[in-house]
Protein backbone atom coordinates (compact mmCIF):
# COMPACT_ATOMS: atom_id res chain seq x y z
CA MET A 1 -81.43 -16.62 -2.75
CA SER A 2 -81.78 -13.98 -0.04
CA ARG A 3 -80.31 -10.49 -0.41
CA ASN A 4 -77.73 -11.31 2.28
CA ASP A 5 -76.71 -14.55 0.54
CA ARG A 6 -76.39 -12.66 -2.73
CA PHE A 7 -74.16 -10.09 -1.06
CA GLU A 8 -71.90 -12.80 0.40
CA GLU A 9 -71.65 -14.50 -2.98
CA THR A 10 -70.76 -11.23 -4.68
CA LYS A 11 -68.18 -10.39 -2.01
CA ASP A 12 -66.53 -13.80 -2.45
CA ASP A 13 -66.40 -13.23 -6.22
CA LEU A 14 -64.74 -9.83 -5.82
CA LEU A 15 -62.15 -11.21 -3.39
CA SER A 16 -61.41 -14.11 -5.73
CA ARG A 17 -60.70 -11.61 -8.54
CA GLY A 18 -58.01 -9.89 -6.50
CA TYR A 19 -59.86 -7.06 -4.77
CA SER A 20 -58.88 -6.48 -1.15
CA ARG A 21 -61.41 -6.09 1.66
CA ARG A 22 -60.48 -2.42 1.78
CA GLN A 23 -61.33 -2.09 -1.92
CA LEU A 24 -64.75 -3.64 -1.30
CA GLY A 25 -65.70 -0.45 0.51
CA ARG A 26 -64.76 1.57 -2.54
CA ILE A 27 -66.90 -0.68 -4.73
CA VAL A 28 -69.88 -0.08 -2.45
CA GLY A 29 -69.08 3.63 -2.72
CA VAL A 30 -69.22 3.46 -6.52
CA PHE A 31 -72.82 2.25 -6.46
CA GLY A 32 -73.84 4.58 -3.66
CA VAL A 33 -72.49 7.64 -5.45
CA ALA A 34 -73.78 6.46 -8.82
CA ALA A 35 -77.25 6.32 -7.28
CA ALA A 36 -76.87 9.94 -6.23
CA ALA A 37 -75.69 10.76 -9.74
CA ALA A 38 -79.14 9.83 -11.00
CA SER A 39 -80.41 13.02 -9.41
CA VAL A 40 -77.42 15.37 -9.43
CA GLY A 41 -75.97 14.51 -12.84
CA ARG A 42 -72.57 12.91 -12.18
CA PRO A 43 -70.63 11.16 -9.41
CA ALA A 44 -68.57 13.65 -7.40
CA TRP A 45 -65.45 11.51 -7.67
CA ALA A 46 -65.95 11.13 -11.42
CA SER A 47 -65.95 14.83 -12.24
CA GLY A 48 -62.29 15.32 -11.49
CA GLY A 49 -63.12 18.54 -9.65
CA VAL A 50 -64.33 20.23 -12.84
CA PRO A 51 -67.49 22.27 -12.19
CA ASP A 52 -70.46 22.11 -14.50
CA PRO A 53 -70.76 24.97 -17.04
CA ALA A 54 -71.88 28.26 -15.53
CA PRO A 55 -75.70 28.27 -15.45
CA SER A 56 -75.71 32.05 -15.73
CA ALA A 57 -74.22 32.08 -19.24
CA LYS A 58 -76.60 33.22 -21.97
CA VAL A 59 -75.16 30.63 -24.36
CA ARG A 60 -74.40 27.25 -22.74
CA ILE A 61 -72.48 25.13 -25.24
CA GLY A 62 -70.01 23.43 -22.94
CA ALA A 63 -71.63 20.28 -21.57
CA ASN A 64 -72.72 18.40 -24.72
CA GLU A 65 -76.35 18.89 -23.78
CA CYS A 66 -79.04 19.22 -26.42
CA TRP A 67 -80.01 22.82 -27.16
CA THR A 68 -83.69 22.05 -26.57
CA GLY A 69 -85.92 19.79 -24.50
CA PRO A 70 -87.43 16.35 -25.14
CA LEU A 71 -89.17 15.57 -28.40
CA ALA A 72 -92.87 16.52 -28.43
CA PRO A 73 -94.22 12.93 -28.15
CA GLY A 74 -91.92 12.35 -25.18
CA GLN A 75 -93.06 15.51 -23.43
CA ALA A 76 -96.69 14.54 -23.91
CA ALA A 77 -96.13 11.01 -22.60
CA ALA A 78 -94.23 12.25 -19.54
CA ALA A 79 -96.95 14.80 -18.73
CA ALA A 80 -99.72 12.24 -19.12
CA ILE A 81 -98.25 9.78 -16.63
CA ILE A 82 -97.85 12.35 -13.85
CA ALA A 83 -101.56 11.95 -13.01
CA SER A 84 -100.80 8.30 -12.15
CA GLY A 85 -97.78 9.18 -10.02
CA ASN A 86 -99.44 7.66 -6.97
CA ARG A 87 -98.72 4.18 -8.38
CA TYR A 88 -95.35 2.49 -8.45
CA SER A 89 -96.22 1.22 -11.91
CA PRO A 90 -99.66 2.07 -13.35
CA HIS A 91 -98.91 -0.16 -16.33
CA ASP A 92 -95.81 -2.05 -17.42
CA GLU A 93 -93.79 1.09 -18.26
CA ARG A 94 -90.45 -0.70 -18.05
CA GLY A 95 -91.69 -3.43 -20.36
CA ASP A 96 -93.10 -0.90 -22.81
CA PHE A 97 -89.71 0.80 -22.94
CA ILE A 98 -87.88 -2.45 -23.63
CA LYS A 99 -90.37 -3.28 -26.40
CA ALA A 100 -89.63 0.09 -28.00
CA VAL A 101 -85.91 -0.72 -27.95
CA MET A 102 -86.70 -4.12 -29.51
CA GLN A 103 -88.66 -2.40 -32.27
CA VAL A 104 -85.92 0.09 -33.11
CA GLU A 105 -82.79 -2.00 -32.51
CA GLY A 106 -83.98 -5.52 -33.30
CA VAL A 107 -82.70 -7.04 -30.05
CA PRO A 108 -84.51 -9.61 -27.86
CA TYR A 109 -86.38 -8.54 -24.73
CA ASP A 110 -83.90 -10.13 -22.32
CA HIS A 111 -80.96 -8.34 -24.00
CA VAL A 112 -82.10 -4.87 -22.81
CA ALA A 113 -81.63 -3.28 -19.39
CA PRO A 114 -82.80 0.32 -18.75
CA TRP A 115 -80.94 2.45 -16.22
CA PRO A 116 -81.37 5.90 -14.66
CA GLY A 117 -78.69 7.53 -16.81
CA SER A 118 -75.43 6.06 -18.10
CA SER A 119 -73.00 6.78 -15.25
CA ASP A 120 -74.10 3.77 -13.21
CA PRO A 121 -73.90 1.09 -15.94
CA LEU A 122 -70.57 2.42 -17.17
CA SER A 123 -69.03 2.33 -13.69
CA ARG A 124 -70.76 -0.99 -13.03
CA ALA A 125 -69.14 -2.53 -16.12
CA VAL A 126 -65.72 -1.52 -14.80
CA VAL A 127 -66.45 -3.12 -11.42
CA THR A 128 -67.81 -6.25 -13.06
CA PHE A 129 -65.05 -6.96 -15.54
CA CYS A 130 -61.95 -5.19 -14.20
CA SER A 131 -59.88 -5.96 -11.11
CA PRO A 132 -56.36 -5.38 -9.76
CA THR A 133 -55.21 -8.05 -12.25
CA LYS A 134 -57.63 -7.30 -15.12
CA GLY A 135 -57.26 -3.71 -16.21
CA LEU A 136 -59.13 -1.22 -18.35
CA VAL A 137 -58.00 -0.05 -21.79
CA THR A 138 -59.40 3.20 -23.09
CA ALA A 139 -58.56 5.91 -25.61
CA ASP A 140 -56.88 9.26 -25.04
CA PRO A 141 -58.70 11.56 -25.18
CA THR A 142 -62.13 10.11 -24.50
CA PHE A 143 -64.89 10.25 -21.89
CA GLU A 144 -63.04 9.72 -18.61
CA LEU A 145 -65.61 8.13 -16.30
CA ALA A 146 -64.51 4.55 -17.01
CA GLY A 147 -60.87 5.45 -16.38
CA ARG A 148 -61.63 7.33 -13.18
CA THR A 149 -63.72 4.45 -11.87
CA ALA A 150 -60.93 1.95 -12.58
CA LYS A 151 -58.33 4.14 -10.88
CA TRP A 152 -60.64 4.62 -7.89
CA LEU A 153 -60.88 0.86 -7.54
CA GLY A 154 -57.17 0.23 -8.04
CA ALA A 155 -57.48 -1.48 -11.44
CA PRO A 156 -54.73 -0.79 -14.01
CA VAL A 157 -55.62 1.72 -16.74
CA ASN A 158 -54.02 2.01 -20.17
CA ALA A 159 -54.97 5.14 -22.13
CA VAL A 160 -54.02 4.77 -25.80
CA PRO A 161 -53.75 7.85 -28.07
CA LEU A 162 -56.23 8.11 -30.93
CA THR A 163 -55.11 7.45 -34.48
CA ALA A 164 -54.17 10.25 -36.89
CA ALA A 165 -57.82 10.13 -38.03
CA TYR A 166 -58.96 10.54 -34.40
CA THR A 167 -60.44 7.03 -34.20
CA HIS A 168 -59.77 4.41 -31.53
CA ASP A 169 -56.55 2.57 -32.32
CA VAL A 170 -57.93 -0.88 -31.55
CA LYS A 171 -54.74 -2.78 -32.37
CA ALA A 172 -52.72 -0.51 -30.11
CA MET A 173 -55.38 -0.86 -27.41
CA LEU A 174 -55.07 -4.64 -27.48
CA ALA A 175 -51.28 -4.44 -27.49
CA ALA A 176 -51.35 -2.05 -24.52
CA ASN A 177 -52.91 -4.76 -22.35
CA PRO A 178 -53.50 -8.16 -23.99
CA ASN A 179 -55.05 -9.40 -20.75
CA ALA A 180 -57.43 -6.55 -19.90
CA GLY A 181 -60.85 -7.10 -18.38
CA LEU A 182 -62.60 -4.31 -20.29
CA TYR A 183 -61.92 -2.37 -23.50
CA TYR A 184 -63.89 0.89 -23.68
CA ILE A 185 -64.79 2.44 -27.04
CA CYS A 186 -66.80 5.67 -27.26
CA THR A 187 -68.14 6.23 -30.79
CA PRO A 188 -68.80 8.94 -31.76
CA ASN A 189 -66.00 9.77 -29.40
CA ASN A 190 -66.29 12.39 -26.71
CA PRO A 191 -64.62 14.92 -27.09
CA THR A 192 -63.69 14.57 -30.77
CA GLY A 193 -67.06 13.57 -32.25
CA THR A 194 -65.29 11.06 -34.49
CA ILE A 195 -66.51 7.58 -35.50
CA THR A 196 -64.54 4.39 -34.94
CA PRO A 197 -65.43 2.08 -37.85
CA ILE A 198 -67.58 -0.94 -37.01
CA ALA A 199 -64.97 -3.13 -38.72
CA ASP A 200 -62.36 -1.98 -36.18
CA ILE A 201 -64.67 -2.82 -33.28
CA GLU A 202 -65.37 -6.23 -34.82
CA TRP A 203 -61.61 -6.84 -35.05
CA LEU A 204 -61.14 -6.03 -31.37
CA VAL A 205 -64.03 -8.30 -30.35
CA ALA A 206 -62.57 -11.13 -32.44
CA ASN A 207 -59.02 -10.73 -31.12
CA LYS A 208 -59.46 -9.73 -27.47
CA PRO A 209 -58.65 -12.22 -24.69
CA ALA A 210 -61.32 -14.76 -23.76
CA GLY A 211 -63.56 -13.60 -20.94
CA SER A 212 -62.87 -9.91 -21.34
CA MET A 213 -65.53 -7.44 -22.46
CA VAL A 214 -65.79 -4.68 -25.07
CA LEU A 215 -68.03 -1.78 -24.05
CA VAL A 216 -69.25 0.37 -26.94
CA ASP A 217 -70.56 3.71 -25.68
CA GLU A 218 -72.90 5.11 -28.35
CA ALA A 219 -74.21 8.12 -26.43
CA TYR A 220 -73.91 10.34 -29.51
CA THR A 221 -74.83 7.86 -32.23
CA HIS A 222 -78.16 9.51 -33.11
CA PHE A 223 -76.30 12.69 -34.01
CA ALA A 224 -74.13 10.72 -36.45
CA GLY A 225 -76.72 8.54 -38.16
CA VAL A 226 -74.20 5.77 -38.85
CA PRO A 227 -74.35 1.96 -38.43
CA THR A 228 -74.29 0.95 -34.77
CA ALA A 229 -72.98 -1.98 -32.75
CA SER A 230 -76.33 -3.16 -31.39
CA TYR A 231 -76.29 -6.27 -33.58
CA MET A 232 -73.22 -7.49 -31.67
CA ALA A 233 -75.33 -7.70 -28.51
CA THR A 234 -77.49 -10.38 -30.14
CA ALA A 235 -74.66 -12.34 -31.76
CA GLY A 236 -73.39 -14.00 -28.59
CA LYS A 237 -70.40 -11.64 -28.42
CA ASP A 238 -68.66 -10.30 -25.32
CA VAL A 239 -70.04 -6.85 -26.04
CA ILE A 240 -72.02 -4.25 -24.08
CA VAL A 241 -73.64 -1.47 -26.10
CA MET A 242 -74.59 1.57 -24.03
CA ARG A 243 -76.99 4.40 -24.90
CA THR A 244 -78.27 7.51 -23.15
CA PHE A 245 -81.18 9.88 -23.68
CA SER A 246 -79.13 12.84 -22.44
CA LYS A 247 -78.01 13.90 -25.92
CA ILE A 248 -80.20 14.16 -29.04
CA PHE A 249 -83.34 13.34 -27.03
CA GLY A 250 -82.83 16.39 -24.78
CA MET A 251 -83.36 14.46 -21.54
CA ALA A 252 -80.13 15.13 -19.63
CA GLY A 253 -82.02 16.24 -16.53
CA MET A 254 -84.37 13.24 -16.68
CA ARG A 255 -81.60 10.64 -16.28
CA MET A 256 -82.44 7.82 -18.65
CA GLY A 257 -80.29 5.28 -20.47
CA TYR A 258 -79.99 1.59 -21.26
CA VAL A 259 -77.58 -1.17 -22.21
CA MET A 260 -77.87 -3.99 -24.73
CA ALA A 261 -75.98 -7.20 -24.01
CA ARG A 262 -76.38 -10.93 -23.49
CA PRO A 263 -78.64 -11.79 -20.52
CA ASP A 264 -75.75 -13.37 -18.58
CA ILE A 265 -73.71 -10.17 -18.97
CA ILE A 266 -76.62 -8.06 -17.72
CA ALA A 267 -77.08 -10.43 -14.77
CA LYS A 268 -73.43 -10.03 -13.78
CA MET A 269 -73.71 -6.25 -13.88
CA MET A 270 -76.87 -6.23 -11.78
CA ARG A 271 -75.75 -8.55 -9.00
CA TYR A 272 -74.00 -5.98 -6.79
CA ASP A 273 -77.21 -4.45 -5.47
CA GLY A 274 -79.78 -6.94 -6.69
CA GLY A 275 -80.45 -4.85 -9.78
CA MET A 276 -82.04 -2.05 -7.78
CA GLN A 277 -80.47 0.62 -9.97
CA SER A 278 -82.09 -0.87 -13.05
CA GLY A 279 -85.44 -0.87 -11.30
CA ALA A 280 -85.25 2.68 -9.88
CA LEU A 281 -86.54 4.42 -12.98
CA PRO A 282 -88.78 7.49 -12.67
CA LEU A 283 -91.98 6.84 -14.61
CA PRO A 284 -92.02 10.21 -16.46
CA SER A 285 -88.50 9.48 -17.71
CA LEU A 286 -89.50 5.99 -18.85
CA ALA A 287 -92.61 7.26 -20.62
CA CYS A 288 -90.71 10.11 -22.27
CA ALA A 289 -87.96 7.79 -23.49
CA THR A 290 -90.41 5.19 -24.81
CA ALA A 291 -92.34 7.73 -26.87
CA SER A 292 -89.17 9.45 -28.10
CA LEU A 293 -87.29 6.35 -29.18
CA THR A 294 -89.68 5.51 -32.00
CA ALA A 295 -90.09 9.09 -33.28
CA LEU A 296 -87.60 8.44 -36.07
CA ASP A 297 -88.67 11.36 -38.29
CA LEU A 298 -88.28 13.82 -35.42
CA ILE A 299 -84.88 12.37 -34.53
CA ALA A 300 -83.75 12.82 -38.14
CA ALA A 301 -85.09 16.39 -38.21
CA ARG A 302 -83.25 17.25 -35.00
CA ARG A 303 -80.04 15.75 -36.39
CA LYS A 304 -80.41 17.87 -39.53
CA GLU A 305 -80.96 20.99 -37.42
CA MET A 306 -77.76 20.24 -35.51
CA GLN A 307 -75.80 19.64 -38.70
CA GLU A 308 -76.87 22.99 -40.13
CA ALA A 309 -75.89 24.86 -36.95
CA ARG A 310 -72.60 22.97 -36.80
CA GLY A 311 -71.92 23.75 -40.46
CA LEU A 312 -72.41 27.47 -39.87
CA ALA A 313 -69.92 27.47 -36.98
CA LEU A 314 -67.32 25.34 -38.75
CA GLU A 315 -67.48 27.46 -41.89
CA HIS A 316 -67.01 30.59 -39.79
CA LEU A 317 -63.95 29.11 -38.09
CA LYS A 318 -62.54 27.84 -41.40
CA LYS A 319 -62.72 31.33 -42.92
CA ARG A 320 -60.67 32.61 -39.99
CA GLY A 321 -58.00 29.98 -40.44
CA MET A 322 -58.80 27.91 -37.36
CA ALA A 323 -57.88 24.23 -37.09
CA VAL A 324 -60.90 22.09 -36.20
CA VAL A 325 -61.00 18.31 -35.77
CA PRO A 326 -63.46 16.72 -38.27
CA THR A 327 -66.58 15.66 -36.39
CA ASN A 328 -69.70 13.52 -36.77
CA ALA A 329 -71.47 14.56 -33.57
CA ASN A 330 -72.80 17.59 -31.72
CA MET A 331 -69.35 18.82 -30.73
CA PHE A 332 -66.09 19.95 -32.28
CA MET A 333 -62.57 20.65 -31.08
CA ILE A 334 -60.77 23.95 -31.77
CA ASP A 335 -56.99 24.11 -31.60
CA TRP A 336 -55.92 27.52 -30.30
CA LYS A 337 -52.27 26.63 -31.05
CA THR A 338 -50.42 29.17 -28.87
CA LYS A 339 -53.16 29.78 -26.32
CA GLN A 340 -54.26 27.57 -23.45
CA ALA A 341 -57.78 26.19 -23.65
CA GLY A 342 -58.54 27.32 -20.11
CA ALA A 343 -57.69 30.90 -20.96
CA MET A 344 -59.94 30.80 -24.03
CA GLN A 345 -62.79 29.37 -21.99
CA ALA A 346 -62.41 32.29 -19.58
CA ALA A 347 -62.34 34.72 -22.51
CA PHE A 348 -65.62 33.38 -23.88
CA ARG A 349 -67.19 33.73 -20.44
CA THR A 350 -66.65 37.48 -20.71
CA GLN A 351 -69.10 37.30 -23.63
CA SER A 352 -71.55 35.15 -21.62
CA VAL A 353 -70.74 32.12 -23.77
CA GLU A 354 -69.80 28.92 -21.94
CA ILE A 355 -67.71 26.64 -24.16
CA GLY A 356 -66.32 23.28 -23.09
CA ARG A 357 -63.09 22.27 -21.48
CA SER A 358 -59.90 20.62 -22.70
CA TRP A 359 -58.26 17.25 -22.07
CA PRO A 360 -54.76 16.88 -20.56
CA ILE A 361 -53.32 15.36 -23.74
CA TRP A 362 -54.47 18.45 -25.71
CA PRO A 363 -54.04 21.53 -23.45
CA THR A 364 -54.55 24.03 -26.28
CA ILE A 365 -57.70 22.42 -27.69
CA SER A 366 -61.22 23.24 -26.50
CA ARG A 367 -64.39 21.21 -26.98
CA VAL A 368 -67.42 23.19 -28.12
CA THR A 369 -70.95 21.76 -28.06
CA VAL A 370 -73.19 22.48 -31.03
CA GLY A 371 -76.24 24.38 -29.86
CA SER A 372 -79.14 25.94 -31.73
CA MET A 373 -78.58 28.06 -34.83
CA ASP A 374 -78.99 31.23 -32.74
CA GLU A 375 -76.52 29.93 -30.16
CA MET A 376 -73.93 29.13 -32.80
CA LYS A 377 -74.34 32.58 -34.32
CA ALA A 378 -73.73 34.04 -30.85
CA PHE A 379 -70.69 31.77 -30.52
CA CYS A 380 -69.30 33.10 -33.82
CA GLU A 381 -69.80 36.69 -32.71
CA ALA A 382 -68.08 35.96 -29.40
CA PHE A 383 -65.24 34.19 -31.21
CA ASP A 384 -64.58 37.25 -33.38
CA LYS A 385 -64.31 39.41 -30.27
CA VAL A 386 -62.12 37.17 -28.13
CA TRP A 387 -59.85 36.01 -30.96
CA ALA A 388 -59.29 39.52 -32.24
């Protein structure tokens, strides 16, 4: 099938699902901007007008980045391949990466699709499975890109509050839209860092409407060290499991991620541009990710380092009577009670410490990324000054 025939087939599919011809232009825009996001970090329309944390801050703990760079084996692999940068593919780097995922996750080769970052596959899943008649169901608060993409396209969005334990309320999510096209679960959740139990995700997969999809975003799972949903991708389920190397692997600027799903699901997601996004992977990023993925001891050591730095900060806040949401990831939420989160963010900036933002549902709660031990000590010192 030619590229033009594929485009016509895809256009007919989108129109049959209720998209208007005017909305087709917006869909094209999603993939065009998502391609740019591979180099600039995020789609402009997905940021909601919120600027990235100030690069001039001495302590940057606002963007959920890792406090340090790629793992040593990844750095070495990326450096080594630069000498072969004159070739489109000196070896089978993409295949080597997929084999590394197979080794770690136990999924078949054709169930893995690497991507330059996670913004594109997340937005692509919304385009693929949502429509003006098949909406998106997400949590509130959670990572907003899926919701912003759906709204941009004109698909209905239901944002369901988290449970009292800050997990996804899967039964309420299904009740909110029993005919949705996509149910989005981020676990550990951003911004709370909390885990939604695998049993709850299994319940949603078993009870959702036929033909809809459950997307499990596990961007922060390596920080938590808990059971993951990757096995669902090999069990014939309507599940997409998404990962990124932007977090514990320290590769945010290298734009690398992947999804695990049935081959037919991956094929549907790739049809809008012939899978070009999945193929446009910088070789240093691929090599770095491949070498990092199997460095299990180093991943565990980095997780332990984060937990110690997080423990220091949480203990400091506890001694000062602050309310903090329990967390299993490299972030935590502070409730300032009577003060607006935006004002507290500005106050920390006076100390050259850039903390994270808030979410509309919680205007007095700020997200703080866990940095290095030295950074968290600096955060505690800044906290004592601005809170006093």
